[in-house]
Amino acid sequence: MMPLMFADVGESNIIKKVSGNAEVKRHLENLGFVPGGQVNIVSKNAGNLIVNVKESRIALSEEMARRIFI
């Protein structure tokens, strides 16, 4: 298990865990980052990610990407 930010561009991964306080977890889950869900890395730029999750494209800061484990 590793944080999402260490995944390679173009790689498809399964979310294993979402960490953080209750508010952060709820926010990420509302965006579609739920355990068992699929996430694809579209691009990386200075630690920030653009990902596809549940047919949506979402930009994540490095801080948020460190809370999603694959």
Protein backbone atom coordinates (compact mmCIF):
# COMPACT_ATOMS: atom_id res chain seq x y z
CA MET A 1 0.00 0.00 0.00
CA MET A 2 1.35 3.44 -0.97
CA PRO A 3 0.04 7.00 -1.28
CA LEU A 4 -1.57 7.91 -4.60
CA MET A 5 1.07 10.54 -5.30
CA PHE A 6 3.66 7.79 -5.94
CA ALA A 7 1.63 6.14 -8.72
CA ASP A 8 2.79 6.50 -12.32
CA VAL A 9 0.97 8.54 -14.97
CA GLY A 10 -1.35 6.36 -17.04
CA GLU A 11 -1.55 3.76 -14.30
CA SER A 12 -4.92 2.42 -13.15
CA ASN A 13 -5.15 1.68 -9.42
CA ILE A 14 -7.66 0.48 -6.84
CA ILE A 15 -8.15 2.67 -3.75
CA LYS A 16 -7.39 0.69 -0.59
CA LYS A 17 -7.80 3.35 2.13
CA VAL A 18 -8.55 7.05 2.66
CA SER A 19 -6.94 8.65 5.71
CA GLY A 20 -7.31 11.96 7.53
CA ASN A 21 -9.78 13.48 9.93
CA ALA A 22 -13.52 12.91 9.47
CA GLU A 23 -14.04 16.12 7.47
CA VAL A 24 -11.22 15.35 5.00
CA LYS A 25 -12.34 11.73 4.58
CA ARG A 26 -15.93 12.82 3.94
CA HIS A 27 -14.78 15.42 1.37
CA LEU A 28 -12.64 12.87 -0.53
CA GLU A 29 -15.41 10.27 -0.40
CA ASN A 30 -17.88 12.81 -1.81
CA LEU A 31 -15.47 13.34 -4.72
CA GLY A 32 -15.51 9.59 -5.38
CA PHE A 33 -12.38 8.41 -3.57
CA VAL A 34 -13.82 5.38 -1.80
CA PRO A 35 -12.08 2.09 -0.92
CA GLY A 36 -12.50 -0.38 -3.75
CA GLY A 37 -12.92 2.40 -6.33
CA GLN A 38 -10.70 2.79 -9.37
CA VAL A 39 -8.48 5.83 -9.93
CA ASN A 40 -6.38 6.64 -13.01
CA ILE A 41 -3.50 9.13 -12.98
CA VAL A 42 -3.84 11.55 -15.93
CA SER A 43 -0.90 13.87 -15.18
CA LYS A 44 1.49 15.12 -12.50
CA ASN A 45 2.88 18.61 -12.06
CA ALA A 46 5.07 19.64 -9.11
CA GLY A 47 3.46 17.03 -6.86
CA ASN A 48 -0.10 17.93 -7.83
CA LEU A 49 -2.17 15.33 -9.68
CA ILE A 50 -5.00 15.23 -12.17
CA VAL A 51 -6.90 11.96 -11.86
CA ASN A 52 -9.93 10.24 -13.34
CA VAL A 53 -12.26 8.83 -10.71
CA LYS A 54 -15.88 7.74 -11.30
CA GLU A 55 -15.92 9.26 -14.82
CA SER A 56 -14.79 12.67 -13.49
CA ARG A 57 -11.47 14.44 -13.85
CA ILE A 58 -10.28 15.90 -10.53
CA ALA A 59 -7.21 17.95 -9.56
CA LEU A 60 -5.61 16.98 -6.24
CA SER A 61 -2.95 18.76 -4.24
CA GLU A 62 0.04 16.75 -3.06
CA GLU A 63 -1.34 16.96 0.50
CA MET A 64 -4.64 15.33 -0.51
CA ALA A 65 -2.90 12.74 -2.72
CA ARG A 66 -0.88 11.63 0.32
CA ARG A 67 -4.16 10.73 2.13
CA ILE A 68 -5.37 8.31 -0.55
CA PHE A 69 -3.70 4.90 -0.44
CA ILE A 70 -3.56 2.43 -3.32
